[in-house]
Amino acid sequence: MNKISGNIVDVVKRKIFKGTVSWQNGIISQIEAHDTEAEHYILPGLVDAHIHIESSMLIPSEFARMAVVHGTVATVSDPHEIANVLGNQGVDFMIANGKTVPFHFHFGAPSCVPATAFETAGAHIGPDEIAELMANPDIYYLAEMMNYPGVLFSDEEVMKKLQIAKKSGKPIDGHAPGLRGENARKYIAAGISTDHECYTLPEALEKLGYGMKIIIREGSAAKNFEALVDLYDEHAENIMLCSDDKHPDDLIKGHINQLILRAFAKGKDKMDVLRSCTVNPVLHYGMRNGLLRAGDSADMIVVDSLETFNVMQTYVAGKLVAENGKSFIETQPVEPLNYFNCEKIDPACLGLSLDAGTVRTIKILDKQIVTEEINYEHKGGNFEADLANDVLKIIVVNRYQNAAVAMALVHNSGLKSGAIASSVAHDSHNIIAIGTNYQDLSAAVNAIIETKGGVAAALNGETRLVPLPMAGLMSNEDGQQVAKNYEKLDQWVKNTLGCPLTAPYMTLSFLALLVIPKLKLSDKGLFDGEKFEFVR
């Protein structure tokens, strides 16, 4: 019999009392109230209610190894990224690898692979594959339905997927940034229960009014916490917290515990905040991690106080997995799994000839997943980087087969020299790059092609790279080292190449995300995410 005493935070009954939690064989056997000298607090482990593990650049086992240090014991994980590369084989890998460590991964069935018909992906998951996944007890929900036009216009394949999910009795996640009015009502009425894409309070309130639950997102690039935190005042029971996309250097610093502290600092009710990252997601998704009740899995964290919220210990199924900043989860060896089949590009293929006049140009918004559009005036002929107006060339290279390079213009990257490139490019994960000249652009892209995945930067003959051999999305190495390597690259891009973006590579990856307005670039061309059509 194992025991721990202290101030017990009962988030289910919304009360705090002194006592002892006892557990055996990973299950809580008794919670007894009595006086104790221990001053620390015992709570249920924390939940990230929506995350793509792939965006941490770590395989699930390594993600868990780092996340438990911050009190996270469970995630609601959409394996959409690896599914776009490898289909159900990728989903199977994520589930199997997650089971090798003490952590509660709850994977969903990716609903949009490929996300659109306007890009080249490595796989297709149709209704038959969705039915196979939804019948799997290791699949807990239908993951974010990004194709909201397909819902609104009753696309046959989209509607089949939704019906399969409804028949399974498992929840359906949403993804509809900026959708308002009758369109939002119709989208939600199709059975879609959550959205993590709200970026204004009025949008979130409207969706709540239609019966949807809102997941407040604060990731490495997309940050909506400040805009939405006041939802706690009247809608706490329908709020959850998530990171969505969390880069490894950020994961070293903290996770959901950081959002708890920020909400506390704004005066939000402590029980409301704690329930949003414990009770609310566990009940909504039918998760298997415990809520600090007799008969539950012994998934607990110990913090020094509710004011400072320093995580002292983390337990998963009764096992101590982290203590005072040290993880006890061991690195799990895996063999690379990938789909990368393109040849290196020649700098000569990167010329972009434009007619004189107005050119539709992507405008980056720092800390946002959405983009805007500007009209850039060009005198005609071959385009060269316009550093004075911060207009550069952006390219997407098809990684699955040899094809013509897609090119467009981008504003507000802030890049002063060199080029950056990544094979993490939502949703199809072709290679995306921005550069100030042909040589650096091709050097960064070719470094990624040579290693079959990674994030890279190039300047005047020097190329730096963090390899990502697992589907071109994740490393198979120690997470701490990956985080350090990534942070060095990130700082080189910011300090030497002059890029002022908060998260250059995460922002870059979103510039290929066609289902998010407004203007994006796929391997097939420039795309208007509002009209859902190519514009060049």
Protein backbone atom coordinates (compact mmCIF):
# COMPACT_ATOMS: atom_id res chain seq x y z
CA MET A 1 0.00 0.00 0.00
CA ASN A 2 1.35 3.45 -1.00
CA LYS A 3 0.33 6.68 0.74
CA ILE A 4 0.82 10.41 0.49
CA SER A 5 -0.54 13.08 2.85
CA GLY A 6 -1.19 16.79 2.43
CA ASN A 7 -3.87 19.25 1.37
CA ILE A 8 -6.11 17.25 -0.95
CA VAL A 9 -7.71 19.24 -3.75
CA ASP A 10 -10.99 17.54 -4.64
CA VAL A 11 -11.77 19.16 -8.00
CA VAL A 12 -14.88 17.04 -8.50
CA LYS A 13 -16.58 18.21 -5.27
CA ARG A 14 -14.81 21.58 -5.35
CA LYS A 15 -13.25 21.42 -1.90
CA ILE A 16 -9.83 21.25 -0.21
CA PHE A 17 -9.12 19.26 2.96
CA LYS A 18 -6.16 17.74 4.81
CA GLY A 19 -5.78 13.99 4.54
CA THR A 20 -4.10 10.97 2.98
CA VAL A 21 -4.41 9.34 -0.44
CA SER A 22 -3.69 5.59 -0.49
CA TRP A 23 -3.24 3.44 -3.57
CA GLN A 24 -2.34 -0.09 -4.55
CA ASN A 25 -1.56 -1.62 -7.96
CA GLY A 26 -1.96 1.80 -9.57
CA ILE A 27 -5.51 2.36 -8.28
CA ILE A 28 -6.58 4.73 -5.50
CA SER A 29 -8.00 2.57 -2.71
CA GLN A 30 -8.90 5.23 -0.13
CA ILE A 31 -8.93 8.97 0.49
CA GLU A 32 -9.08 9.74 4.20
CA ALA A 33 -9.62 13.16 5.77
CA HIS A 34 -7.53 13.88 8.87
CA ASP A 35 -5.07 16.44 10.24
CA THR A 36 -1.54 16.32 8.83
CA GLU A 37 1.51 18.53 9.11
CA ALA A 38 2.23 18.35 5.37
CA GLU A 39 1.59 21.72 3.71
CA HIS A 40 1.86 20.75 0.05
CA TYR A 41 -1.19 20.18 -2.18
CA ILE A 42 -2.25 16.96 -3.92
CA LEU A 43 -4.26 17.33 -7.15
CA PRO A 44 -5.30 15.23 -10.14
CA GLY A 45 -2.71 15.22 -12.93
CA LEU A 46 -3.12 17.83 -15.65
CA VAL A 47 -4.57 17.33 -19.13
CA ASP A 48 -3.74 19.05 -22.42
CA ALA A 49 -7.13 18.89 -24.13
CA HIS A 50 -5.83 19.22 -27.69
CA ILE A 51 -2.31 18.72 -28.97
CA HIS A 52 -0.46 17.40 -31.97
CA ILE A 53 2.41 15.51 -30.35
CA GLU A 54 4.27 15.70 -33.65
CA SER A 55 4.60 19.48 -33.33
CA SER A 56 6.81 19.00 -30.28
CA MET A 57 9.24 17.35 -32.73
CA LEU A 58 9.28 14.44 -30.28
CA ILE A 59 7.81 10.94 -30.47
CA PRO A 60 5.07 10.31 -27.86
CA SER A 61 7.33 8.50 -25.39
CA GLU A 62 9.80 11.39 -25.39
CA PHE A 63 7.03 13.97 -25.16
CA ALA A 64 5.72 12.20 -22.05
CA ARG A 65 9.21 12.13 -20.57
CA MET A 66 9.33 15.94 -20.72
CA ALA A 67 5.69 16.79 -20.01
CA VAL A 68 5.40 14.90 -16.70
CA VAL A 69 7.95 17.27 -15.15
CA HIS A 70 5.28 19.99 -15.44
CA GLY A 71 2.46 17.87 -13.99
CA THR A 72 0.90 16.71 -17.27
CA VAL A 73 -0.27 13.10 -17.09
CA ALA A 74 -2.58 12.93 -20.11
CA THR A 75 -3.28 14.41 -23.50
CA VAL A 76 -6.06 14.45 -26.05
CA SER A 77 -3.83 13.95 -29.08
CA ASP A 78 -4.70 14.34 -32.74
CA PRO A 79 -2.19 12.33 -34.85
CA HIS A 80 -3.29 14.29 -37.90
CA GLU A 81 0.25 15.30 -38.86
CA ILE A 82 1.80 11.86 -39.11
CA ALA A 83 -1.43 10.55 -40.68
CA ASN A 84 -1.01 13.03 -43.54
CA VAL A 85 2.39 11.47 -44.20
CA LEU A 86 1.80 7.77 -43.44
CA GLY A 87 -1.95 7.25 -43.00
CA ASN A 88 -3.19 4.70 -40.47
CA GLN A 89 0.33 3.26 -40.22
CA GLY A 90 1.40 6.54 -38.64
CA VAL A 91 -1.52 6.50 -36.20
CA ASP A 92 -0.66 2.93 -35.21
CA PHE A 93 2.93 3.99 -34.51
CA MET A 94 1.83 6.84 -32.23
CA ILE A 95 -0.46 4.55 -30.23
CA ALA A 96 2.14 1.79 -29.90
CA ASN A 97 4.96 4.13 -28.92
CA GLY A 98 2.75 5.93 -26.40
CA LYS A 99 2.07 2.63 -24.65
CA THR A 100 5.76 2.10 -23.91
CA VAL A 101 5.75 4.72 -21.13
CA PRO A 102 3.62 5.55 -18.06
CA PHE A 103 1.42 8.30 -19.53
CA HIS A 104 -2.19 8.53 -20.70
CA PHE A 105 -2.30 9.33 -24.42
CA HIS A 106 -5.81 9.56 -25.87
CA PHE A 107 -5.51 9.58 -29.64
CA GLY A 108 -8.22 10.55 -32.10
CA ALA A 109 -9.04 9.42 -35.63
CA PRO A 110 -7.75 12.11 -38.04
CA SER A 111 -10.80 13.33 -39.92
CA CYS A 112 -9.12 15.31 -42.70
CA VAL A 113 -6.33 13.41 -44.45
CA PRO A 114 -5.55 15.13 -46.68
CA ALA A 115 -7.00 18.29 -45.19
CA THR A 116 -7.99 19.52 -48.64
CA ALA A 117 -7.82 18.41 -52.26
CA PHE A 118 -5.64 21.42 -53.01
CA GLU A 119 -2.33 19.95 -51.78
CA THR A 120 -0.28 16.77 -52.13
CA ALA A 121 -0.23 14.55 -49.04
CA GLY A 122 1.32 11.17 -48.40
CA ALA A 123 -1.90 9.35 -47.56
CA HIS A 124 -5.68 9.36 -47.72
CA ILE A 125 -7.98 8.40 -44.85
CA GLY A 126 -11.51 7.88 -46.11
CA PRO A 127 -14.70 6.69 -44.42
CA ASP A 128 -13.56 3.03 -44.43
CA GLU A 129 -10.33 3.91 -42.64
CA ILE A 130 -12.25 6.14 -40.19
CA ALA A 131 -14.60 3.26 -39.40
CA GLU A 132 -11.61 1.01 -38.72
CA LEU A 133 -10.06 3.60 -36.42
CA MET A 134 -13.26 4.47 -34.55
CA ALA A 135 -13.75 0.79 -33.72
CA ASN A 136 -10.34 0.76 -32.04
CA PRO A 137 -10.60 1.11 -28.22
CA ASP A 138 -7.38 3.14 -28.31
CA ILE A 139 -9.15 5.84 -30.37
CA TYR A 140 -11.22 8.17 -28.21
CA TYR A 141 -12.76 10.69 -30.62
CA LEU A 142 -13.01 11.93 -34.20
CA ALA A 143 -10.26 14.52 -34.42
CA GLU A 144 -10.75 18.10 -35.54
CA MET A 145 -13.05 18.46 -38.54
CA MET A 146 -10.99 21.06 -40.36
CA ASN A 147 -13.01 20.87 -43.56
CA TYR A 148 -15.79 23.14 -42.34
CA PRO A 149 -16.86 24.02 -45.92
CA GLY A 150 -17.41 20.28 -46.39
CA VAL A 151 -19.71 20.28 -43.36
CA LEU A 152 -21.59 23.39 -44.47
CA PHE A 153 -22.11 22.07 -47.99
CA SER A 154 -22.80 18.48 -46.87
CA ASP A 155 -19.86 16.92 -48.69
CA GLU A 156 -20.61 13.19 -49.02
CA GLU A 157 -17.32 11.92 -47.59
CA VAL A 158 -17.33 14.42 -44.73
CA MET A 159 -20.88 13.50 -43.75
CA LYS A 160 -20.04 9.77 -43.81
CA LYS A 161 -17.17 10.36 -41.41
CA LEU A 162 -19.39 12.34 -39.05
CA GLN A 163 -22.05 9.63 -39.11
CA ILE A 164 -19.46 6.94 -38.31
CA ALA A 165 -18.28 8.97 -35.32
CA LYS A 166 -21.82 9.56 -34.07
CA LYS A 167 -22.60 5.85 -34.36
CA SER A 168 -19.51 5.05 -32.29
CA GLY A 169 -20.73 7.35 -29.51
CA LYS A 170 -17.37 9.12 -29.39
CA PRO A 171 -17.01 12.94 -29.43
CA ILE A 172 -16.24 14.96 -32.55
CA ASP A 173 -13.71 17.80 -32.34
CA GLY A 174 -14.07 21.00 -34.32
CA HIS A 175 -11.77 23.42 -36.11
CA ALA A 176 -13.51 26.48 -37.51
CA PRO A 177 -11.59 29.73 -36.95
CA GLY A 178 -13.72 32.83 -37.39
CA LEU A 179 -16.87 30.92 -38.29
CA ARG A 180 -19.87 32.91 -37.08
CA GLY A 181 -23.62 33.26 -37.41
CA GLU A 182 -25.74 30.72 -39.25
CA ASN A 183 -22.67 28.93 -40.60
CA ALA A 184 -21.36 28.35 -37.07
CA ARG A 185 -24.76 27.12 -35.92
CA LYS A 186 -24.99 24.67 -38.85
CA TYR A 187 -21.44 23.41 -38.28
CA ILE A 188 -22.09 22.74 -34.59
CA ALA A 189 -25.49 21.16 -35.30
CA ALA A 190 -23.66 18.51 -37.36
CA GLY A 191 -22.52 17.04 -34.03
CA ILE A 192 -19.23 18.89 -33.60
CA SER A 193 -18.65 19.54 -29.92
CA THR A 194 -15.48 21.60 -29.44
CA ASP A 195 -13.37 24.31 -31.03
CA HIS A 196 -9.81 25.33 -30.13
CA GLU A 197 -9.51 27.89 -32.94
CA CYS A 198 -11.42 30.85 -31.47
CA TYR A 199 -9.29 33.97 -31.39
CA THR A 200 -11.80 36.58 -30.26
CA LEU A 201 -14.15 36.63 -27.27
CA PRO A 202 -17.31 37.36 -29.31
CA GLU A 203 -16.63 34.36 -31.55
CA ALA A 204 -16.14 32.06 -28.54
CA LEU A 205 -19.27 33.36 -26.81
CA GLU A 206 -21.35 32.81 -29.92
CA LYS A 207 -20.15 29.23 -30.29
CA LEU A 208 -20.80 28.57 -26.61
CA GLY A 209 -24.31 29.85 -27.16
CA TYR A 210 -24.82 27.26 -29.89
CA GLY A 211 -23.81 24.50 -27.45
CA MET A 212 -20.14 24.08 -28.26
CA LYS A 213 -17.31 23.73 -25.72
CA ILE A 214 -14.31 26.03 -26.11
CA ILE A 215 -10.72 24.90 -25.69
CA ILE A 216 -8.49 27.89 -24.95
CA ARG A 217 -5.26 27.53 -26.90
CA GLU A 218 -1.84 28.84 -25.97
CA GLY A 219 0.84 27.23 -28.12
CA SER A 220 4.29 28.13 -29.36
CA ALA A 221 2.93 30.34 -32.16
CA ALA A 222 -0.87 30.62 -31.83
CA LYS A 223 -1.67 32.35 -28.57
CA ASN A 224 -5.32 32.99 -27.66
CA PHE A 225 -5.24 32.83 -23.85
CA GLU A 226 -5.37 36.58 -23.23
CA ALA A 227 -8.29 37.03 -25.61
CA LEU A 228 -10.36 34.20 -24.12
CA VAL A 229 -9.45 33.90 -20.42
CA ASP A 230 -12.53 35.88 -19.32
CA LEU A 231 -14.70 32.97 -20.51
CA TYR A 232 -14.06 31.53 -17.03
CA ASP A 233 -16.30 34.19 -15.50
CA GLU A 234 -19.57 32.69 -16.78
CA HIS A 235 -18.74 29.57 -18.81
CA ALA A 236 -16.19 27.67 -16.73
CA GLU A 237 -17.94 24.29 -17.05
CA ASN A 238 -17.55 24.41 -20.84
CA ILE A 239 -13.89 25.49 -20.96
CA MET A 240 -10.75 23.41 -21.43
CA LEU A 241 -7.08 24.30 -21.93
CA CYS A 242 -4.68 23.20 -24.66
CA SER A 243 -1.41 23.95 -26.38
CA ASP A 244 -2.26 22.53 -29.83
CA ASP A 245 1.32 22.95 -31.05
CA LYS A 246 4.21 23.03 -28.57
CA HIS A 247 7.83 23.24 -29.71
CA PRO A 248 10.45 21.37 -27.66
CA ASP A 249 12.21 24.46 -26.33
CA ASP A 250 8.88 25.71 -24.95
CA LEU A 251 8.04 22.29 -23.49
CA ILE A 252 11.22 22.39 -21.42
CA LYS A 253 9.96 25.58 -19.75
CA GLY A 254 6.40 24.51 -18.97
CA HIS A 255 3.07 23.22 -20.18
CA ILE A 256 -0.52 23.50 -18.91
CA ASN A 257 0.85 24.46 -15.46
CA GLN A 258 1.85 27.82 -16.92
CA LEU A 259 -1.71 28.58 -18.03
CA ILE A 260 -3.05 27.68 -14.58
CA LEU A 261 -0.76 30.22 -12.96
CA ARG A 262 -1.68 32.90 -15.49
CA ALA A 263 -5.39 32.33 -14.91
CA PHE A 264 -4.88 32.45 -11.12
CA ALA A 265 -2.98 35.73 -11.53
CA LYS A 266 -6.00 37.21 -13.32
CA GLY A 267 -8.21 36.39 -10.35
CA LYS A 268 -10.11 33.51 -11.94
CA ASP A 269 -11.72 31.03 -9.56
CA LYS A 270 -9.09 28.40 -8.74
CA MET A 271 -11.48 25.45 -8.85
CA ASP A 272 -12.86 26.60 -12.19
CA VAL A 273 -9.36 26.78 -13.63
CA LEU A 274 -8.28 23.42 -12.23
CA ARG A 275 -11.45 21.71 -13.43
CA SER A 276 -10.85 23.02 -16.95
CA CYS A 277 -7.65 20.97 -17.22
CA THR A 278 -8.81 17.93 -15.24
CA VAL A 279 -12.55 17.23 -14.82
CA ASN A 280 -13.83 18.90 -17.98
CA PRO A 281 -11.67 17.04 -20.53
CA VAL A 282 -11.82 13.73 -18.64
CA LEU A 283 -15.63 13.76 -18.68
CA HIS A 284 -15.97 15.08 -22.23
CA TYR A 285 -13.63 12.55 -23.84
CA GLY A 286 -14.17 9.63 -21.47
CA MET A 287 -10.48 9.64 -20.59
CA ARG A 288 -8.91 6.86 -18.53
CA ASN A 289 -6.74 9.05 -16.26
CA GLY A 290 -8.05 9.55 -12.74
CA LEU A 291 -9.57 12.52 -10.91
CA LEU A 292 -8.32 11.73 -7.42
CA ARG A 293 -11.25 9.54 -6.37
CA ALA A 294 -11.33 6.08 -4.82
CA GLY A 295 -11.29 3.54 -7.65
CA ASP A 296 -9.56 5.93 -10.08
CA SER A 297 -6.16 5.44 -11.62
CA ALA A 298 -3.63 7.03 -9.23
CA ASP A 299 -2.69 9.96 -11.48
CA MET A 300 -1.66 12.80 -9.19
CA ILE A 301 0.60 15.78 -8.84
CA VAL A 302 2.02 17.38 -5.72
CA VAL A 303 2.57 21.15 -5.78
CA ASP A 304 4.09 23.37 -3.10
CA SER A 305 1.10 25.75 -3.02
CA LEU A 306 -1.75 26.99 -5.17
CA GLU A 307 -0.08 30.40 -5.36
CA THR A 308 3.28 29.36 -6.83
CA PHE A 309 2.15 25.99 -8.27
CA ASN A 310 5.64 24.50 -8.40
CA VAL A 311 5.25 20.84 -9.39
CA MET A 312 7.17 18.74 -6.87
CA GLN A 313 6.03 15.26 -7.90
CA THR A 314 4.03 13.61 -10.67
CA TYR A 315 2.47 10.15 -10.40
CA VAL A 316 0.98 8.15 -13.29
CA ALA A 317 -0.96 5.00 -12.31
CA GLY A 318 0.69 5.22 -8.91
CA LYS A 319 4.23 5.36 -10.28
CA LEU A 320 6.45 8.34 -9.45
CA VAL A 321 7.44 9.57 -12.93
CA ALA A 322 8.91 12.99 -12.07
CA GLU A 323 10.24 14.80 -9.03
CA ASN A 324 11.60 18.32 -8.60
CA GLY A 325 12.23 18.87 -12.30
CA LYS A 326 13.64 15.42 -13.05
CA SER A 327 11.82 12.87 -15.19
CA PHE A 328 12.13 9.18 -14.41
CA ILE A 329 10.69 8.07 -17.77
CA GLU A 330 13.39 6.49 -19.91
CA THR A 331 14.06 7.19 -23.59
CA GLN A 332 12.58 4.50 -25.84
CA PRO A 333 14.59 3.44 -28.94
CA VAL A 334 12.68 3.50 -32.25
CA GLU A 335 13.58 2.99 -35.90
CA PRO A 336 12.88 5.82 -38.40
CA LEU A 337 9.52 5.67 -40.15
CA ASN A 338 9.12 8.01 -43.11
CA TYR A 339 7.85 8.90 -46.59
CA PHE A 340 10.24 11.24 -48.39
CA ASN A 341 10.77 10.83 -52.11
CA CYS A 342 11.99 13.97 -53.86
CA GLU A 343 15.32 15.02 -55.32
CA LYS A 344 17.31 18.11 -54.39
CA ILE A 345 16.36 21.35 -56.10
CA ASP A 346 18.55 23.55 -58.29
CA PRO A 347 18.74 27.26 -57.35
CA ALA A 348 18.03 28.03 -61.01
CA CYS A 349 14.49 26.68 -60.63
CA LEU A 350 13.60 29.36 -58.08
CA GLY A 351 13.19 32.30 -60.43
CA LEU A 352 9.79 34.00 -60.17
CA SER A 353 8.72 36.21 -63.05
CA LEU A 354 5.80 38.56 -62.35
CA ASP A 355 3.68 40.85 -64.48
CA ALA A 356 3.81 44.54 -63.64
CA GLY A 357 1.13 45.62 -61.19
CA THR A 358 -0.49 44.35 -58.00
CA VAL A 359 0.60 40.99 -56.58
CA ARG A 360 -1.48 39.24 -53.93
CA THR A 361 0.90 38.67 -51.03
CA ILE A 362 0.66 36.67 -47.78
CA LYS A 363 0.93 38.84 -44.67
CA ILE A 364 2.22 37.03 -41.58
CA LEU A 365 0.62 37.85 -38.22
CA ASP A 366 2.95 37.07 -35.33
CA LYS A 367 1.49 34.74 -32.66
CA GLN A 368 -1.45 33.87 -34.92
CA ILE A 369 -2.34 30.91 -37.09
CA VAL A 370 -4.33 33.13 -39.48
CA THR A 371 -2.78 35.38 -42.10
CA GLU A 372 -3.89 38.53 -43.89
CA GLU A 373 -3.29 39.73 -47.43
CA ILE A 374 -1.58 42.80 -48.85
CA ASN A 375 -1.35 44.08 -52.40
CA TYR A 376 2.31 44.47 -53.34
CA GLU A 377 3.18 46.64 -56.30
CA HIS A 378 5.80 45.12 -58.60
CA LYS A 379 7.36 46.74 -61.65
CA GLY A 380 7.36 43.43 -63.53
CA GLY A 381 9.99 40.88 -64.42
CA ASN A 382 11.98 38.63 -62.11
CA PHE A 383 11.25 39.16 -58.42
CA GLU A 384 14.16 39.83 -56.09
CA ALA A 385 13.84 40.13 -52.31
CA ASP A 386 12.51 43.53 -51.27
CA LEU A 387 14.07 43.87 -47.84
CA ALA A 388 13.06 47.51 -47.50
CA ASN A 389 9.38 46.55 -47.66
CA ASP A 390 9.87 43.14 -45.99
CA VAL A 391 8.56 41.22 -49.00
CA LEU A 392 10.34 37.94 -49.69
CA LYS A 393 9.86 34.77 -51.69
CA ILE A 394 8.07 31.81 -50.11
CA ILE A 395 8.24 28.36 -51.70
CA VAL A 396 6.71 24.92 -51.15
CA VAL A 397 8.46 21.80 -52.47
CA ASN A 398 6.52 18.55 -52.90
CA ARG A 399 8.36 16.01 -50.70
CA TYR A 400 6.49 12.95 -51.96
CA GLN A 401 7.50 13.18 -55.62
CA ASN A 402 9.46 15.42 -57.97
CA ALA A 403 7.30 18.35 -59.06
CA ALA A 404 7.49 22.02 -59.95
CA VAL A 405 8.22 24.29 -56.99
CA ALA A 406 5.27 26.46 -55.90
CA MET A 407 6.20 30.10 -55.26
CA ALA A 408 4.58 33.26 -53.93
CA LEU A 409 5.40 36.42 -51.98
CA VAL A 410 5.26 36.88 -48.22
CA HIS A 411 5.31 40.02 -46.08
CA ASN A 412 6.19 40.55 -42.41
CA SER A 413 8.58 37.63 -41.87
CA GLY A 414 11.20 40.16 -40.77
CA LEU A 415 13.97 37.98 -42.21
CA LYS A 416 16.97 40.20 -43.05
CA SER A 417 19.29 37.60 -44.61
CA GLY A 418 19.52 33.91 -45.44
CA ALA A 419 16.65 31.45 -45.54
CA ILE A 420 14.65 29.14 -43.27
CA ALA A 421 12.96 25.89 -44.26
CA SER A 422 10.95 23.11 -42.65
CA SER A 423 9.36 19.77 -43.50
CA VAL A 424 6.83 20.50 -40.74
CA ALA A 425 4.29 22.32 -42.89
CA HIS A 426 0.67 21.83 -41.93
CA ASP A 427 -1.17 19.89 -43.11
CA SER A 428 0.49 17.82 -45.81
CA HIS A 429 4.04 18.45 -44.60
CA ASN A 430 5.73 19.28 -47.81
CA ILE A 431 8.85 21.46 -47.49
CA ILE A 432 8.14 25.15 -46.92
CA ALA A 433 10.78 27.88 -46.99
CA ILE A 434 11.24 31.65 -46.96
CA GLY A 435 14.45 33.26 -48.17
CA THR A 436 16.23 36.41 -49.23
CA ASN A 437 18.14 34.76 -52.12
CA TYR A 438 18.15 31.66 -54.31
CA GLN A 439 21.35 30.11 -52.94
CA ASP A 440 20.31 30.13 -49.29
CA LEU A 441 16.78 29.00 -50.14
CA SER A 442 18.01 25.97 -52.05
CA ALA A 443 20.66 25.17 -49.44
CA ALA A 444 18.11 25.09 -46.60
CA VAL A 445 15.64 22.99 -48.60
CA ASN A 446 18.29 20.56 -49.84
CA ALA A 447 19.60 19.98 -46.31
CA ILE A 448 16.12 18.81 -45.36
CA ILE A 449 15.82 16.60 -48.44
CA GLU A 450 19.20 15.00 -47.73
CA THR A 451 18.20 14.05 -44.16
CA LYS A 452 14.60 13.23 -45.15
CA GLY A 453 13.10 15.77 -42.79
CA GLY A 454 13.99 18.57 -40.44
CA VAL A 455 14.07 22.28 -39.76
CA ALA A 456 16.93 24.20 -41.32
CA ALA A 457 18.44 27.62 -41.92
CA ALA A 458 21.14 28.74 -44.35
CA LEU A 459 23.32 31.82 -44.70
CA ASN A 460 26.27 32.43 -47.03
CA GLY A 461 27.30 28.81 -47.34
CA GLU A 462 26.58 27.82 -43.73
CA THR A 463 23.62 25.51 -43.15
CA ARG A 464 22.25 24.48 -39.76
CA LEU A 465 19.73 21.69 -39.28
CA VAL A 466 17.75 19.78 -36.68
CA PRO A 467 17.01 16.40 -38.31
CA LEU A 468 13.48 14.94 -37.98
CA PRO A 469 13.68 11.42 -39.44
CA MET A 470 10.36 10.23 -37.98
CA ALA A 471 7.96 11.08 -40.83
CA GLY A 472 9.90 14.29 -41.37
CA LEU A 473 8.11 15.58 -38.26
CA MET A 474 9.81 14.16 -35.16
CA SER A 475 13.23 13.25 -33.84
CA ASN A 476 14.01 9.80 -32.47
CA GLU A 477 16.61 11.22 -30.09
CA ASP A 478 16.62 12.42 -26.47
CA GLY A 479 14.04 15.19 -26.05
CA GLN A 480 16.25 17.40 -23.91
CA GLN A 481 18.96 17.39 -26.58
CA VAL A 482 16.43 18.00 -29.36
CA ALA A 483 15.13 20.98 -27.41
CA LYS A 484 18.64 22.39 -26.98
CA ASN A 485 19.48 21.91 -30.65
CA TYR A 486 16.22 23.49 -31.72
CA GLU A 487 16.71 26.45 -29.38
CA LYS A 488 20.19 27.09 -30.83
CA LEU A 489 18.78 27.06 -34.34
CA ASP A 490 15.88 29.31 -33.32
CA GLN A 491 18.28 31.82 -31.74
CA TRP A 492 20.52 31.78 -34.84
CA VAL A 493 17.52 32.56 -37.03
CA LYS A 494 16.49 35.41 -34.74
CA ASN A 495 19.88 36.90 -33.92
CA THR A 496 21.86 36.29 -37.11
CA LEU A 497 19.21 36.12 -39.83
CA GLY A 498 17.24 38.90 -38.12
CA CYS A 499 13.83 37.21 -37.89
CA PRO A 500 11.75 38.89 -35.13
CA LEU A 501 8.88 36.36 -35.08
CA THR A 502 8.09 34.79 -31.71
CA ALA A 503 8.23 31.26 -33.16
CA PRO A 504 9.69 31.44 -36.69
CA TYR A 505 9.36 27.75 -37.55
CA MET A 506 5.89 27.26 -36.10
CA THR A 507 4.71 30.37 -37.93
CA LEU A 508 6.36 29.12 -41.12
CA SER A 509 4.57 25.79 -40.82
CA PHE A 510 1.17 27.52 -40.67
CA LEU A 511 1.75 29.36 -43.97
CA ALA A 512 0.87 26.13 -45.78
CA LEU A 513 -2.27 25.53 -43.68
CA LEU A 514 -4.97 26.00 -46.31
CA VAL A 515 -7.99 25.51 -44.05
CA ILE A 516 -7.08 28.63 -42.04
CA PRO A 517 -7.77 32.01 -43.66
CA LYS A 518 -6.70 34.01 -45.40
CA LEU A 519 -3.92 33.52 -47.93
CA LYS A 520 -1.68 30.42 -47.86
CA LEU A 521 0.63 28.47 -50.18
CA SER A 522 0.45 24.76 -50.99
CA ASP A 523 2.69 22.73 -53.29
CA LYS A 524 0.08 23.39 -55.98
CA GLY A 525 -0.17 27.17 -55.69
CA LEU A 526 -1.39 30.27 -53.82
CA PHE A 527 -4.69 29.60 -52.07
CA ASP A 528 -7.51 31.78 -50.71
CA GLY A 529 -8.70 30.08 -47.50
CA GLU A 530 -11.93 32.11 -47.39
CA LYS A 531 -13.09 31.41 -50.95
CA PHE A 532 -11.44 27.95 -50.86
CA GLU A 533 -9.85 28.33 -54.28
CA PHE A 534 -6.50 28.93 -55.93
CA VAL A 535 -5.76 32.53 -56.80
CA ARG A 536 -2.59 31.97 -58.81
